[in-house]
Amino acid sequence: MGIYLNPGNQGFRESIRSRIYVDKTNLIACTNALLNTNDKYICVSRPRRFGKSMALQMLAAYYGSGCDSGELFAGLKGMALRGRKRLFPIRKSCGNSRMP
């Protein structure tokens, strides 16, 4: 059983330390533009193996109130656009279970 409320930054920490890492921190600027608007609900629907889990781990590490992730984002591409970090309770849901 995983942690579903404020999952922390462990998943993103492991991602940026891996040999193959694609920087998707520009997604944070896009997400910031949608917060507090009518478009605040975001559905990430991409084909398999396109980095959805890693992108969501990054967003949870950035916005999550359960941990301090400032050192993880230092020097990443999208952080030049970074303003004040907003803290939100993060709820993780997993949709990889299969129906019989």
Protein backbone atom coordinates (compact mmCIF):
# COMPACT_ATOMS: atom_id res chain seq x y z
CA MET A 1 0.00 0.00 0.00
CA GLY A 2 1.43 3.38 -0.98
CA ILE A 3 1.18 6.82 0.54
CA TYR A 4 -1.74 8.63 -1.06
CA LEU A 5 -1.85 11.90 0.90
CA ASN A 6 1.22 14.14 0.60
CA PRO A 7 3.44 11.45 -0.96
CA GLY A 8 6.61 13.52 -0.46
CA ASN A 9 9.57 13.88 -2.78
CA GLN A 10 11.23 10.45 -2.67
CA GLY A 11 9.97 9.43 -6.14
CA PHE A 12 11.24 12.64 -7.75
CA ARG A 13 14.54 12.37 -5.86
CA GLU A 14 15.08 8.91 -7.36
CA SER A 15 14.13 10.18 -10.84
CA ILE A 16 16.65 13.01 -10.97
CA ARG A 17 19.42 10.72 -9.72
CA SER A 18 18.83 8.12 -12.43
CA ARG A 19 21.08 7.91 -15.48
CA ILE A 20 18.25 8.85 -17.83
CA TYR A 21 16.31 11.92 -16.73
CA VAL A 22 14.27 14.25 -18.94
CA ASP A 23 13.75 17.66 -17.36
CA LYS A 24 10.02 18.47 -17.43
CA THR A 25 10.10 21.36 -14.96
CA ASN A 26 8.54 23.67 -17.58
CA LEU A 27 5.32 21.84 -16.73
CA ILE A 28 5.35 23.74 -13.42
CA ALA A 29 4.94 27.09 -15.22
CA CYS A 30 2.01 25.67 -17.21
CA THR A 31 0.43 24.35 -14.03
CA ASN A 32 0.92 27.69 -12.25
CA ALA A 33 -0.95 29.42 -15.08
CA LEU A 34 -3.96 27.11 -14.53
CA LEU A 35 -4.19 27.32 -10.75
CA ASN A 36 -7.06 29.38 -9.34
CA THR A 37 -8.86 29.45 -12.70
CA ASN A 38 -11.78 27.46 -14.11
CA ASP A 39 -9.20 25.19 -15.77
CA LYS A 40 -7.68 24.07 -12.45
CA TYR A 41 -8.43 20.36 -12.98
CA ILE A 42 -5.70 18.80 -15.07
CA CYS A 43 -5.85 15.39 -16.70
CA VAL A 44 -2.53 13.99 -17.85
CA SER A 45 -3.36 11.48 -20.55
CA ARG A 46 -0.41 10.28 -22.59
CA PRO A 47 0.51 6.95 -24.16
CA ARG A 48 2.44 4.39 -22.16
CA ARG A 49 6.08 5.14 -21.35
CA PHE A 50 5.82 8.94 -21.82
CA GLY A 51 6.83 9.91 -18.27
CA LYS A 52 3.44 10.56 -16.68
CA SER A 53 4.44 9.10 -13.32
CA MET A 54 7.72 11.01 -13.21
CA ALA A 55 5.98 14.28 -14.13
CA LEU A 56 3.38 13.75 -11.40
CA GLN A 57 6.10 12.91 -8.86
CA MET A 58 7.81 16.17 -9.82
CA LEU A 59 4.59 18.16 -9.34
CA ALA A 60 3.92 16.45 -5.99
CA ALA A 61 7.46 17.27 -4.83
CA TYR A 62 7.12 20.90 -5.95
CA TYR A 63 3.63 21.68 -4.64
CA GLY A 64 3.43 19.26 -1.73
CA SER A 65 3.24 20.57 1.81
CA GLY A 66 4.71 17.41 3.31
CA CYS A 67 8.38 18.09 2.54
CA ASP A 68 10.96 20.70 1.51
CA SER A 69 12.20 20.01 -2.02
CA GLY A 70 14.07 23.22 -2.77
CA GLU A 71 17.44 21.48 -3.18
CA LEU A 72 15.99 19.03 -5.71
CA PHE A 73 14.90 21.81 -8.04
CA ALA A 74 18.06 23.92 -7.83
CA GLY A 75 19.63 24.24 -11.28
CA LEU A 76 16.80 22.63 -13.25
CA LYS A 77 15.66 24.29 -16.47
CA GLY A 78 12.15 25.38 -15.53
CA MET A 79 13.20 26.89 -12.23
CA ALA A 80 14.23 30.18 -13.87
CA LEU A 81 10.49 30.90 -14.02
CA ARG A 82 9.91 29.92 -10.41
CA GLY A 83 8.07 32.31 -8.16
CA ARG A 84 7.05 31.67 -4.61
CA LYS A 85 6.28 28.01 -4.03
CA ARG A 86 2.64 27.30 -3.25
CA LEU A 87 1.93 24.52 -0.80
CA PHE A 88 -1.07 22.30 -1.34
CA PRO A 89 -2.23 19.01 0.11
CA ILE A 90 -1.45 16.43 -2.55
CA ARG A 91 -3.67 13.42 -3.16
CA LYS A 92 -2.15 10.65 -5.25
CA SER A 93 -4.44 8.21 -7.00
CA CYS A 94 -3.25 5.27 -8.99
CA GLY A 95 -5.12 4.21 -12.09
CA ASN A 96 -3.04 1.21 -13.07
CA SER A 97 -5.32 -1.45 -11.64
CA ARG A 98 -7.01 -3.60 -14.25
CA MET A 99 -10.65 -4.48 -14.37
CA PRO A 100 -11.42 -8.18 -14.85
